[in-house]
Amino acid sequence: MEATIEQKVQNIIDQIRPQLQADGGDIRLVEVKTDGTVMVELRGACGSCPHSRITLKNGVEALLKQYVPEVDHVEDINLGC
């Protein structure tokens, strides 16, 4: 049985989580919307870091779009980006 989009997204997030945790942060998948929007919550140092938008767009979003083509963009529920 093929993995759902949400399962694929969660798998990628689980793979990048250790790198974020190494910098004192974390990430949590909140929702995968039908329009391809992935809602996440950056936590800890990642939630308050001035570079969190860069991490979100150039890191998390880029990887998700590369491995899960159904993903259109990623938004942090706390940043509104």
Protein backbone atom coordinates (compact mmCIF):
# COMPACT_ATOMS: atom_id res chain seq x y z
CA MET A 1 0.00 0.00 0.00
CA GLU A 2 1.37 3.39 -1.01
CA ALA A 3 2.03 5.97 1.69
CA THR A 4 -0.29 8.96 1.91
CA ILE A 5 1.00 12.46 1.27
CA GLU A 6 0.83 13.13 5.00
CA GLN A 7 2.90 10.01 5.74
CA LYS A 8 5.49 11.05 3.16
CA VAL A 9 5.70 14.55 4.62
CA GLN A 10 6.00 13.19 8.17
CA ASN A 11 8.79 10.87 7.04
CA ILE A 12 10.82 13.78 5.64
CA ILE A 13 10.19 15.86 8.76
CA ASP A 14 11.36 12.95 10.91
CA GLN A 15 14.57 12.83 8.87
CA ILE A 16 15.38 16.54 9.28
CA ARG A 17 14.27 16.79 12.92
CA PRO A 18 17.67 15.67 14.36
CA GLN A 19 19.43 18.55 12.59
CA LEU A 20 16.98 21.07 14.02
CA GLN A 21 17.22 19.50 17.47
CA ALA A 22 21.01 19.74 17.32
CA ASP A 23 20.55 23.53 17.12
CA GLY A 24 18.05 23.59 20.00
CA GLY A 25 14.92 23.60 17.87
CA ASP A 26 12.28 21.22 16.64
CA ILE A 27 9.50 20.91 14.08
CA ARG A 28 6.01 19.46 14.29
CA LEU A 29 3.70 18.62 11.41
CA VAL A 30 0.33 20.28 12.00
CA GLU A 31 -1.60 19.61 8.79
CA VAL A 32 -1.30 18.78 5.11
CA LYS A 33 -4.01 20.64 3.23
CA THR A 34 -5.62 19.46 0.00
CA ASP A 35 -4.12 22.42 -1.91
CA GLY A 36 -0.57 21.22 -1.16
CA THR A 37 0.04 23.56 1.76
CA VAL A 38 1.95 21.95 4.62
CA MET A 39 1.41 23.58 8.00
CA VAL A 40 4.20 23.08 10.54
CA GLU A 41 5.19 24.50 13.88
CA LEU A 42 8.81 25.43 14.46
CA ARG A 43 9.61 25.10 18.16
CA GLY A 44 12.37 25.95 20.58
CA ALA A 45 15.28 27.87 19.10
CA CYS A 46 13.78 27.44 15.63
CA GLY A 47 10.60 29.22 16.68
CA SER A 48 12.44 32.32 17.86
CA CYS A 49 15.44 32.32 15.53
CA PRO A 50 15.66 35.30 13.18
CA HIS A 51 16.64 32.84 10.43
CA SER A 52 13.59 30.63 10.89
CA ARG A 53 11.99 31.83 7.62
CA ILE A 54 15.15 30.83 5.76
CA THR A 55 15.18 27.45 7.50
CA LEU A 56 11.53 26.99 6.63
CA LYS A 57 11.72 27.98 2.96
CA ASN A 58 15.23 26.95 1.91
CA GLY A 59 15.43 23.87 4.12
CA VAL A 60 12.12 22.31 5.03
CA GLU A 61 10.08 23.46 2.03
CA ALA A 62 12.82 22.68 -0.50
CA LEU A 63 13.25 19.13 0.80
CA LEU A 64 9.53 18.46 0.99
CA LYS A 65 8.97 19.71 -2.56
CA GLN A 66 11.88 17.60 -3.79
CA TYR A 67 10.64 14.34 -2.27
CA VAL A 68 6.88 14.92 -2.15
CA PRO A 69 5.87 16.62 -5.42
CA GLU A 70 2.33 17.19 -4.15
CA VAL A 71 3.67 19.81 -1.72
CA ASP A 72 3.16 23.35 -2.99
CA HIS A 73 4.51 25.34 -0.04
CA VAL A 74 5.16 25.20 3.70
CA GLU A 75 3.89 27.62 6.33
CA ASP A 76 4.75 27.90 10.01
CA ILE A 77 1.63 28.44 12.11
CA ASN A 78 3.58 30.88 14.28
CA LEU A 79 5.20 32.90 11.49
CA GLY A 80 2.34 33.09 9.04
CA CYS A 81 4.75 32.77 6.11
